[in-house]
C-alpha atoms as a PDB file:
ATOM      1  CA  MET A   1     110.196 130.078 114.040  1.00  0.00           C
ATOM      2  CA  SER A   2     106.661 130.386 115.374  1.00  0.00           C
ATOM      3  CA  PHE A   3     103.909 127.803 114.864  1.00  0.00           C
ATOM      4  CA  ASP A   4     102.280 129.953 112.185  1.00  0.00           C
ATOM      5  CA  GLU A   5     105.558 130.448 110.324  1.00  0.00           C
ATOM      6  CA  LEU A   6     106.476 126.745 110.418  1.00  0.00           C
ATOM      7  CA  VAL A   7     103.057 125.659 109.192  1.00  0.00           C
ATOM      8  CA  ALA A   8     102.841 128.307 106.472  1.00  0.00           C
ATOM      9  CA  GLU A   9     106.285 127.397 105.115  1.00  0.00           C
ATOM     10  CA  ALA A  10     105.524 123.661 105.012  1.00  0.00           C
ATOM     11  CA  ASP A  11     102.098 124.228 103.501  1.00  0.00           C
ATOM     12  CA  ALA A  12     103.520 126.287 100.623  1.00  0.00           C
ATOM     13  CA  VAL A  13     106.457 124.136  99.508  1.00  0.00           C
ATOM     14  CA  SER A  14     106.054 121.792  96.525  1.00  0.00           C
ATOM     15  CA  VAL A  15     105.503 118.118  97.353  1.00  0.00           C
ATOM     16  CA  ASP A  16     105.872 116.791  93.790  1.00  0.00           C
ATOM     17  CA  GLY A  17     108.101 113.771  93.212  1.00  0.00           C
ATOM     18  CA  TRP A  18     109.652 111.482  95.800  1.00  0.00           C
ATOM     19  CA  ASP A  19     112.556 113.631  97.013  1.00  0.00           C
ATOM     20  CA  PHE A  20     112.472 114.204 100.784  1.00  0.00           C
ATOM     21  CA  SER A  21     115.510 116.498 100.983  1.00  0.00           C
ATOM     22  CA  TRP A  22     113.318 119.348 102.307  1.00  0.00           C
ATOM     23  CA  LEU A  23     113.116 117.396 105.575  1.00  0.00           C
ATOM     24  CA  GLU A  24     116.884 117.464 106.193  1.00  0.00           C
ATOM     25  CA  GLY A  25     117.416 118.802 109.695  1.00  0.00           C
ATOM     26  CA  ARG A  26     113.671 118.617 110.384  1.00  0.00           C
ATOM     27  CA  ALA A  27     113.053 114.863 110.513  1.00  0.00           C
ATOM     28  CA  THR A  28     114.948 111.586 110.370  1.00  0.00           C
ATOM     29  CA  GLU A  29     113.933 108.066 109.348  1.00  0.00           C
ATOM     30  CA  GLU A  30     115.908 104.896 109.904  1.00  0.00           C
ATOM     31  CA  ARG A  31     116.493 103.053 106.617  1.00  0.00           C
ATOM     32  CA  PRO A  32     115.683  99.368 105.980  1.00  0.00           C
ATOM     33  CA  PRO A  33     118.733  97.130 106.365  1.00  0.00           C
ATOM     34  CA  TRP A  34     118.477  95.422 102.957  1.00  0.00           C
ATOM     35  CA  GLY A  35     119.156  98.452 100.696  1.00  0.00           C
ATOM     36  CA  TYR A  36     116.369  98.314  98.120  1.00  0.00           C
ATOM     37  CA  GLN A  37     118.045 100.521  95.507  1.00  0.00           C
ATOM     38  CA  ARG A  38     121.223  98.416  95.648  1.00  0.00           C
ATOM     39  CA  LEU A  39     119.258  95.180  95.256  1.00  0.00           C
ATOM     40  CA  MET A  40     117.276  96.663  92.382  1.00  0.00           C
ATOM     41  CA  GLY A  41     120.497  97.789  90.721  1.00  0.00           C
ATOM     42  CA  GLU A  42     121.978  94.299  90.932  1.00  0.00           C
ATOM     43  CA  ARG A  43     118.936  92.830  89.214  1.00  0.00           C
ATOM     44  CA  MET A  44     118.725  95.623  86.640  1.00  0.00           C
ATOM     45  CA  ALA A  45     122.311  94.926  85.601  1.00  0.00           C
ATOM     46  CA  ARG A  46     121.298  91.354  84.687  1.00  0.00           C
ATOM     47  CA  ALA A  47     117.958  92.186  83.047  1.00  0.00           C
ATOM     48  CA  SER A  48     117.151  92.756  79.375  1.00  0.00           C
ATOM     49  CA  VAL A  49     113.662  94.284  79.593  1.00  0.00           C
ATOM     50  CA  ALA A  50     112.528  95.888  82.865  1.00  0.00           C
ATOM     51  CA  LEU A  51     109.482  97.670  84.251  1.00  0.00           C
ATOM     52  CA  ASP A  52     109.334 100.015  87.254  1.00  0.00           C
ATOM     53  CA  LEU A  53     105.744 100.290  88.492  1.00  0.00           C
ATOM     54  CA  GLN A  54     104.521 103.490  90.172  1.00  0.00           C
ATOM     55  CA  THR A  55     107.905 105.152  89.770  1.00  0.00           C
ATOM     56  CA  GLY A  56     106.876 108.410  91.475  1.00  0.00           C
ATOM     57  CA  GLY A  57     109.251 111.106  90.276  1.00  0.00           C
ATOM     58  CA  GLY A  58     111.709 108.489  89.040  1.00  0.00           C
ATOM     59  CA  GLU A  59     114.333 109.425  91.615  1.00  0.00           C
ATOM     60  CA  VAL A  60     115.047 105.873  92.813  1.00  0.00           C
ATOM     61  CA  LEU A  61     115.252 104.384  89.324  1.00  0.00           C
ATOM     62  CA  ALA A  62     117.457 107.249  88.103  1.00  0.00           C
ATOM     63  CA  GLY A  63     119.950 106.424  90.861  1.00  0.00           C
ATOM     64  CA  VAL A  64     120.605 102.885  89.598  1.00  0.00           C
ATOM     65  CA  PRO A  65     124.104 102.645  88.065  1.00  0.00           C
ATOM     66  CA  ARG A  66     123.134 100.416  85.147  1.00  0.00           C
ATOM     67  CA  LEU A  67     119.603  99.986  83.826  1.00  0.00           C
ATOM     68  CA  ALA A  68     118.289  97.176  81.645  1.00  0.00           C
ATOM     69  CA  PRO A  69     118.802  97.948  77.916  1.00  0.00           C
ATOM     70  CA  LEU A  70     115.047  98.498  77.629  1.00  0.00           C
ATOM     71  CA  THR A  71     113.525 100.001  80.768  1.00  0.00           C
ATOM     72  CA  VAL A  72     109.988 101.320  81.096  1.00  0.00           C
ATOM     73  CA  ALA A  73     108.344 103.067  84.056  1.00  0.00           C
ATOM     74  CA  THR A  74     104.707 103.802  84.881  1.00  0.00           C
ATOM     75  CA  GLU A  75     103.174 106.633  86.901  1.00  0.00           C
ATOM     76  CA  SER A  76      99.619 107.917  87.297  1.00  0.00           C
ATOM     77  CA  TRP A  77      99.877 111.245  89.184  1.00  0.00           C
ATOM     78  CA  PRO A  78     100.347 114.089  86.648  1.00  0.00           C
ATOM     79  CA  PRO A  79     102.905 116.164  88.645  1.00  0.00           C
ATOM     80  CA  ASN A  80     105.002 113.028  89.117  1.00  0.00           C
ATOM     81  CA  ILE A  81     104.698 112.036  85.443  1.00  0.00           C
ATOM     82  CA  ALA A  82     106.323 115.285  84.352  1.00  0.00           C
ATOM     83  CA  ARG A  83     109.061 114.990  86.983  1.00  0.00           C
ATOM     84  CA  ALA A  84     109.730 111.334  86.133  1.00  0.00           C
ATOM     85  CA  ARG A  85     110.122 112.174  82.453  1.00  0.00           C
ATOM     86  CA  ARG A  86     112.649 114.879  83.305  1.00  0.00           C
ATOM     87  CA  ASN A  87     114.572 112.558  85.637  1.00  0.00           C
ATOM     88  CA  LEU A  88     114.449 109.393  83.510  1.00  0.00           C
ATOM     89  CA  GLY A  89     114.502 110.702  79.946  1.00  0.00           C
ATOM     90  CA  PRO A  90     118.289 111.270  79.995  1.00  0.00           C
ATOM     91  CA  HIS A  91     118.682 107.613  81.036  1.00  0.00           C
ATOM     92  CA  GLY A  92     116.667 106.346  78.067  1.00  0.00           C
ATOM     93  CA  VAL A  93     113.683 105.298  80.162  1.00  0.00           C
ATOM     94  CA  THR A  94     110.189 105.631  78.688  1.00  0.00           C
ATOM     95  CA  VAL A  95     107.636 106.837  81.260  1.00  0.00           C
ATOM     96  CA  VAL A  96     104.113 105.600  80.529  1.00  0.00           C
ATOM     97  CA  ALA A  97     101.215 107.563  82.000  1.00  0.00           C
ATOM     98  CA  ASP A  98      98.629 105.074  83.228  1.00  0.00           C
ATOM     99  CA  ARG A  99      95.619 104.960  85.550  1.00  0.00           C
ATOM    100  CA  GLY A 100      97.564 103.445  88.433  1.00  0.00           C
ATOM    101  CA  GLU A 101      95.385 100.338  88.437  1.00  0.00           C
ATOM    102  CA  PRO A 102      95.042  97.118  86.383  1.00  0.00           C
ATOM    103  CA  PRO A 103      95.231  96.223  83.628  1.00  0.00           C
ATOM    104  CA  PHE A 104      98.753  97.272  82.700  1.00  0.00           C
ATOM    105  CA  PRO A 105      99.178  98.613  79.143  1.00  0.00           C
ATOM    106  CA  PHE A 106     101.693  95.858  78.301  1.00  0.00           C
ATOM    107  CA  GLN A 107     101.619  92.480  76.587  1.00  0.00           C
ATOM    108  CA  ASP A 108     101.845  89.129  78.360  1.00  0.00           C
ATOM    109  CA  ASN A 109     105.356  87.864  79.215  1.00  0.00           C
ATOM    110  CA  ALA A 110     106.895  91.228  78.252  1.00  0.00           C
ATOM    111  CA  PHE A 111     109.442  91.765  81.072  1.00  0.00           C
ATOM    112  CA  ASP A 112     112.120  89.669  82.708  1.00  0.00           C
ATOM    113  CA  LEU A 113     112.229  92.102  85.650  1.00  0.00           C
ATOM    114  CA  VAL A 114     109.450  94.106  87.327  1.00  0.00           C
ATOM    115  CA  VAL A 115     110.239  96.351  90.302  1.00  0.00           C
ATOM    116  CA  SER A 116     108.220  98.701  92.483  1.00  0.00           C
ATOM    117  CA  ARG A 117     109.080 100.794  95.527  1.00  0.00           C
ATOM    118  CA  HIS A 118     106.129 101.503  97.803  1.00  0.00           C
ATOM    119  CA  PRO A 119     103.283 100.567  95.463  1.00  0.00           C
ATOM    120  CA  VAL A 120      99.842 101.613  96.665  1.00  0.00           C
ATOM    121  CA  ARG A 121      98.757  97.999  96.185  1.00  0.00           C
ATOM    122  CA  ALA A 122     100.629  95.267  94.311  1.00  0.00           C
ATOM    123  CA  PRO A 123      98.331  93.908  91.563  1.00  0.00           C
ATOM    124  CA  TRP A 124      99.692  90.379  91.680  1.00  0.00           C
ATOM    125  CA  PRO A 125      97.732  88.827  88.767  1.00  0.00           C
ATOM    126  CA  GLU A 126      98.929  91.611  86.450  1.00  0.00           C
ATOM    127  CA  ILE A 127     102.514  91.342  87.682  1.00  0.00           C
ATOM    128  CA  ALA A 128     102.431  87.609  86.955  1.00  0.00           C
ATOM    129  CA  ARG A 129     100.885  88.236  83.525  1.00  0.00           C
ATOM    130  CA  VAL A 130     103.557  90.657  82.276  1.00  0.00           C
ATOM    131  CA  LEU A 131     106.502  88.710  83.717  1.00  0.00           C
ATOM    132  CA  ALA A 132     108.258  86.357  81.340  1.00  0.00           C
ATOM    133  CA  SER A 133     108.931  82.777  82.426  1.00  0.00           C
ATOM    134  CA  GLY A 134     111.849  82.851  84.852  1.00  0.00           C
ATOM    135  CA  GLY A 135     111.296  86.577  85.450  1.00  0.00           C
ATOM    136  CA  THR A 136     111.603  88.334  88.809  1.00  0.00           C
ATOM    137  CA  TYR A 137     109.478  90.795  90.735  1.00  0.00           C
ATOM    138  CA  LEU A 138     111.256  92.835  93.442  1.00  0.00           C
ATOM    139  CA  SER A 139     109.457  95.324  95.662  1.00  0.00           C
ATOM    140  CA  GLN A 140     109.791  97.250  98.888  1.00  0.00           C
ATOM    141  CA  GLU A 141     106.331  97.831 100.331  1.00  0.00           C
ATOM    142  CA  ILE A 142     104.798  99.770 103.185  1.00  0.00           C
ATOM    143  CA  GLY A 143     104.180  97.326 106.017  1.00  0.00           C
ATOM    144  CA  PRO A 144     101.416  97.115 108.628  1.00  0.00           C
ATOM    145  CA  ALA A 145     100.608 100.039 110.947  1.00  0.00           C
ATOM    146  CA  SER A 146     103.268 102.280 109.400  1.00  0.00           C
ATOM    147  CA  VAL A 147     103.557 105.679 111.157  1.00  0.00           C
ATOM    148  CA  PHE A 148     100.330 104.902 113.012  1.00  0.00           C
ATOM    149  CA  GLU A 149     101.577 106.864 116.054  1.00  0.00           C
ATOM    150  CA  LEU A 150     101.301 110.068 114.011  1.00  0.00           C
ATOM    151  CA  VAL A 151      98.003 109.259 112.324  1.00  0.00           C
ATOM    152  CA  GLU A 152      96.465 108.155 115.624  1.00  0.00           C
ATOM    153  CA  PHE A 153      97.462 111.490 117.190  1.00  0.00           C
ATOM    154  CA  PHE A 154      95.036 113.121 114.783  1.00  0.00           C
ATOM    155  CA  ARG A 155      92.397 110.427 114.359  1.00  0.00           C
ATOM    156  CA  GLY A 156      92.485 108.245 117.444  1.00  0.00           C
ATOM    157  CA  PRO A 157      93.023 104.452 117.557  1.00  0.00           C
ATOM    158  CA  LEU A 158      93.105 102.711 114.186  1.00  0.00           C
ATOM    159  CA  GLY A 159      92.314  99.127 113.230  1.00  0.00           C
ATOM    160  CA  ARG A 160      94.316  96.810 111.016  1.00  0.00           C
ATOM    161  CA  ASP A 161      95.240  98.258 107.632  1.00  0.00           C
ATOM    162  CA  GLY A 162      95.672  95.046 105.631  1.00  0.00           C
ATOM    163  CA  ARG A 163      99.342  95.581 104.776  1.00  0.00           C
ATOM    164  CA  ASP A 164     100.414  92.133 105.900  1.00  0.00           C
ATOM    165  CA  PRO A 165     103.630  90.642 104.449  1.00  0.00           C
ATOM    166  CA  GLU A 166     102.247  87.117 104.766  1.00  0.00           C
ATOM    167  CA  GLN A 167      99.119  88.185 102.926  1.00  0.00           C
ATOM    168  CA  ALA A 168     101.361  89.520 100.156  1.00  0.00           C
ATOM    169  CA  ARG A 169     103.094  86.134 100.031  1.00  0.00           C
ATOM    170  CA  ALA A 170      99.756  84.346  99.741  1.00  0.00           C
ATOM    171  CA  MET A 171      98.563  86.667  96.963  1.00  0.00           C
ATOM    172  CA  ALA A 172     101.805  86.246  95.018  1.00  0.00           C
ATOM    173  CA  GLU A 173     101.565  82.476  95.267  1.00  0.00           C
ATOM    174  CA  ALA A 174      97.898  82.554  94.277  1.00  0.00           C
ATOM    175  CA  ALA A 175      98.951  84.410  91.124  1.00  0.00           C
ATOM    176  CA  GLY A 176     101.369  81.587  90.285  1.00  0.00           C
ATOM    177  CA  LEU A 177     104.615  83.147  91.533  1.00  0.00           C
ATOM    178  CA  GLU A 178     107.221  81.636  93.844  1.00  0.00           C
ATOM    179  CA  VAL A 179     108.242  83.896  96.736  1.00  0.00           C
ATOM    180  CA  VAL A 180     112.003  83.556  97.202  1.00  0.00           C
ATOM    181  CA  ASP A 181     112.597  86.336  99.760  1.00  0.00           C
ATOM    182  CA  LEU A 182     110.431  88.100 102.344  1.00  0.00           C
ATOM    183  CA  ARG A 183     111.899  90.395 105.009  1.00  0.00           C
ATOM    184  CA  THR A 184     110.371  92.921 107.407  1.00  0.00           C
ATOM    185  CA  ALA A 185     111.643  95.945 109.333  1.00  0.00           C
ATOM    186  CA  ARG A 186     110.275  98.390 111.913  1.00  0.00           C
ATOM    187  CA  LEU A 187     112.095 101.728 111.666  1.00  0.00           C
ATOM    188  CA  ARG A 188     112.303 104.786 113.930  1.00  0.00           C
ATOM    189  CA  ILE A 189     111.129 108.198 112.672  1.00  0.00           C
ATOM    190  CA  GLU A 190     111.629 111.517 114.505  1.00  0.00           C
ATOM    191  CA  PHE A 191     109.847 114.788 113.632  1.00  0.00           C
ATOM    192  CA  PHE A 192     111.727 117.779 115.038  1.00  0.00           C
ATOM    193  CA  ASP A 193     109.166 120.485 114.234  1.00  0.00           C
ATOM    194  CA  ILE A 194     105.552 120.827 113.158  1.00  0.00           C
ATOM    195  CA  GLY A 195     106.602 121.919 109.671  1.00  0.00           C
ATOM    196  CA  ALA A 196     108.081 118.475 109.095  1.00  0.00           C
ATOM    197  CA  VAL A 197     104.771 116.885 110.100  1.00  0.00           C
ATOM    198  CA  VAL A 198     102.793 119.104 107.720  1.00  0.00           C
ATOM    199  CA  TYR A 199     105.153 118.418 104.839  1.00  0.00           C
ATOM    200  CA  PHE A 200     105.099 114.661 105.474  1.00  0.00           C
ATOM    201  CA  LEU A 201     101.310 114.452 105.613  1.00  0.00           C
ATOM    202  CA  ARG A 202     100.957 116.556 102.450  1.00  0.00           C
ATOM    203  CA  LYS A 203     103.478 114.431 100.559  1.00  0.00           C
ATOM    204  CA  VAL A 204     102.634 110.920 101.777  1.00  0.00           C
ATOM    205  CA  ILE A 205      98.985 111.313 100.881  1.00  0.00           C
ATOM    206  CA  TRP A 206      97.829 107.819 101.871  1.00  0.00           C
ATOM    207  CA  MET A 207      98.679 108.478 105.537  1.00  0.00           C
ATOM    208  CA  MET A 208      95.738 110.879 105.933  1.00  0.00           C
ATOM    209  CA  PRO A 209      93.885 111.209 102.625  1.00  0.00           C
ATOM    210  CA  GLY A 210      92.580 114.717 102.102  1.00  0.00           C
ATOM    211  CA  PHE A 211      94.796 116.229 104.820  1.00  0.00           C
ATOM    212  CA  THR A 212      94.744 120.031 104.972  1.00  0.00           C
ATOM    213  CA  VAL A 213      96.265 122.458 107.442  1.00  0.00           C
ATOM    214  CA  ALA A 214      92.965 124.306 107.792  1.00  0.00           C
ATOM    215  CA  GLN A 215      91.067 121.164 108.777  1.00  0.00           C
ATOM    216  CA  HIS A 216      93.635 119.971 111.333  1.00  0.00           C
ATOM    217  CA  ARG A 217      94.992 123.261 112.661  1.00  0.00           C
ATOM    218  CA  PRO A 218      93.934 122.736 116.323  1.00  0.00           C
ATOM    219  CA  LYS A 219      95.605 119.303 116.500  1.00  0.00           C
ATOM    220  CA  LEU A 220      98.654 120.638 114.673  1.00  0.00           C
ATOM    221  CA  HIS A 221      98.990 123.365 117.283  1.00  0.00           C
ATOM    222  CA  GLU A 222      98.615 120.767 120.046  1.00  0.00           C
ATOM    223  CA  LEU A 223     101.370 118.673 118.473  1.00  0.00           C
ATOM    224  CA  HIS A 224     103.579 121.759 118.054  1.00  0.00           C
ATOM    225  CA  GLU A 225     103.246 122.436 121.771  1.00  0.00           C
ATOM    226  CA  LYS A 226     104.049 118.808 122.560  1.00  0.00           C
ATOM    227  CA  ILE A 227     107.231 118.881 120.417  1.00  0.00           C
ATOM    228  CA  THR A 228     108.283 122.203 121.945  1.00  0.00           C
ATOM    229  CA  ARG A 229     107.767 120.827 125.447  1.00  0.00           C
ATOM    230  CA  GLU A 230     108.997 117.227 125.101  1.00  0.00           C
ATOM    231  CA  GLY A 231     111.285 117.108 122.067  1.00  0.00           C
ATOM    232  CA  PRO A 232     110.930 115.199 118.769  1.00  0.00           C
ATOM    233  CA  PHE A 233     107.729 113.303 118.060  1.00  0.00           C
ATOM    234  CA  VAL A 234     108.665 109.630 117.577  1.00  0.00           C
ATOM    235  CA  ALA A 235     106.849 107.252 115.241  1.00  0.00           C
ATOM    236  CA  HIS A 236     107.810 104.043 113.460  1.00  0.00           C
ATOM    237  CA  SER A 237     107.577 103.167 109.800  1.00  0.00           C
ATOM    238  CA  SER A 238     107.013  99.594 108.683  1.00  0.00           C
ATOM    239  CA  ARG A 239     108.541  98.102 105.545  1.00  0.00           C
ATOM    240  CA  PHE A 240     108.820  94.716 103.895  1.00  0.00           C
ATOM    241  CA  LEU A 241     110.875  93.455 100.994  1.00  0.00           C
ATOM    242  CA  ILE A 242     109.377  90.806  98.763  1.00  0.00           C
ATOM    243  CA  GLU A 243     110.975  89.020  95.800  1.00  0.00           C
ATOM    244  CA  ALA A 244     109.075  86.543  93.659  1.00  0.00           C
ATOM    245  CA  ARG A 245     109.845  84.585  90.500  1.00  0.00           C
ATOM    246  CA  LYS A 246     107.660  83.287  87.725  1.00  0.00           C
ATOM    247  CA  PRO A 247     108.334  79.573  87.036  1.00  0.00           C
END
């Protein structure tokens, strides 16, 4: 396919939800070694009342074999709210539309498990407030300088982005939680065509907020030529797993 065809196709496809199957054959990403969904499933099986923050389209939560008897999820982006309700309704999960920022619309000490995969920012005081005594928070977060190779291709050198695992530990502890696990991983990503890049930047909106094909067309064409000439564009995602308990 030509540059124009690849870009037009990727610019037209829906990016609702958190399903990346459109990228099969177009891009690959190494997965973190800890298996977040498996770990979440183990804790869900032991929980009574659970909360999934910023659930996206609910795809990860829907894949857990056994949910807590009462499980609630939150989401703020309207297209994802509708998708999450379709995905999670059959599993008995209530999806609460919220503003995506504190305060949470829940009472103090309401949940014995709170989980979140790739939260925009973890609001630690609110997490501590809604956790019951002895409750657990488990999250996989975006780590520092994630996919910066791609963003810097378009924008030039970037500074620190504040996504520091040790800073997350300090904030959790400041909120009164005990961090019992903290792991990090740096993971290889390959983009095999420019359509994959367009789709990724449209879907993962915090990488380049406000990204449009029209605005970045010259750099997209430059990157297309680079991929055609040299092979896949390589970047690295950064992830960390954090687990904390409320005394």
